[in-house]
Amino acid sequence: MFRYGFFAYICTFKYYLWQMAEKAEAQEFEALYKKIYPKLYYYARGFVGDNDAEDIVAEAFMDLWRRRDEIDF
């Protein structure tokens, strides 16, 4: 079900999340969002379509922002 390329994106995503957690700044999260969102959106779109993919990825980022203090790497 998952493609190898998506695993690489997740590893990159976790690395950037770790950097963001170190600095805990909104600017870092925004940079992460701009870098990773298009890739995650494109991947999700292959499963659920345009509108749902946009909603799913946006919700995931909002959840990450809300829980940023709880993330333990």
Protein backbone atom coordinates (compact mmCIF):
# COMPACT_ATOMS: atom_id res chain seq x y z
CA MET A 1 0.00 0.00 0.00
CA PHE A 2 2.72 2.48 0.88
CA ARG A 3 5.28 3.45 -1.65
CA TYR A 4 8.98 3.59 -0.86
CA GLY A 5 9.10 7.29 -1.80
CA PHE A 6 6.50 8.07 0.82
CA PHE A 7 8.70 6.44 3.48
CA ALA A 8 11.52 8.81 2.49
CA TYR A 9 9.13 11.76 2.81
CA ILE A 10 8.09 10.59 6.26
CA CYS A 11 11.73 10.32 7.35
CA THR A 12 12.36 13.84 6.07
CA PHE A 13 9.16 14.99 7.75
CA LYS A 14 10.26 13.50 11.10
CA TYR A 15 13.66 15.17 10.77
CA TYR A 16 12.07 18.57 10.17
CA LEU A 17 9.63 18.00 13.02
CA TRP A 18 12.58 17.28 15.29
CA GLN A 19 14.24 20.53 14.21
CA MET A 20 10.99 22.41 14.73
CA ALA A 21 10.55 20.92 18.19
CA GLU A 22 14.04 22.06 19.12
CA LYS A 23 13.24 25.66 18.22
CA ALA A 24 9.49 25.56 18.88
CA GLU A 25 8.86 28.49 16.59
CA ALA A 26 5.93 29.12 14.31
CA GLN A 27 8.29 30.11 11.49
CA GLU A 28 9.94 26.70 11.55
CA PHE A 29 6.58 24.98 11.41
CA GLU A 30 5.53 27.18 8.52
CA ALA A 31 8.72 26.25 6.65
CA LEU A 32 7.99 22.58 7.32
CA TYR A 33 4.43 23.02 6.08
CA LYS A 34 5.54 24.69 2.86
CA LYS A 35 8.18 22.03 2.20
CA ILE A 36 6.24 18.87 3.02
CA TYR A 37 2.59 19.75 2.34
CA PRO A 38 2.75 19.43 -1.47
CA LYS A 39 4.31 15.97 -1.25
CA LEU A 40 1.84 14.69 1.33
CA TYR A 41 -1.07 16.23 -0.57
CA TYR A 42 -0.01 14.59 -3.81
CA TYR A 43 0.30 11.22 -2.10
CA ALA A 44 -3.06 11.48 -0.29
CA ARG A 45 -4.77 12.67 -3.47
CA GLY A 46 -3.97 9.33 -5.06
CA PHE A 47 -6.15 7.64 -2.44
CA VAL A 48 -9.01 10.01 -1.70
CA GLY A 49 -9.23 12.74 -4.34
CA ASP A 50 -8.44 16.47 -4.33
CA ASN A 51 -10.80 17.93 -1.73
CA ASP A 52 -10.44 15.17 0.82
CA ALA A 53 -6.65 15.09 0.43
CA GLU A 54 -6.44 18.80 1.15
CA ASP A 55 -8.57 18.40 4.27
CA ILE A 56 -6.69 15.36 5.55
CA VAL A 57 -3.24 16.89 5.20
CA ALA A 58 -4.36 20.23 6.67
CA GLU A 59 -5.89 18.42 9.67
CA ALA A 60 -2.69 16.44 10.17
CA PHE A 61 -0.64 19.64 10.29
CA MET A 62 -3.09 21.33 12.64
CA ASP A 63 -2.92 18.32 14.95
CA LEU A 64 0.87 18.39 14.86
CA TRP A 65 0.89 22.09 15.74
CA ARG A 66 -1.51 21.58 18.63
CA ARG A 67 0.49 18.64 19.97
CA ARG A 68 4.00 19.98 19.26
CA ASP A 69 4.91 19.94 22.95
CA GLU A 70 3.96 16.27 23.19
CA ILE A 71 6.14 15.06 20.30
CA ASP A 72 9.00 12.95 21.56
CA PHE A 73 11.66 11.80 19.14
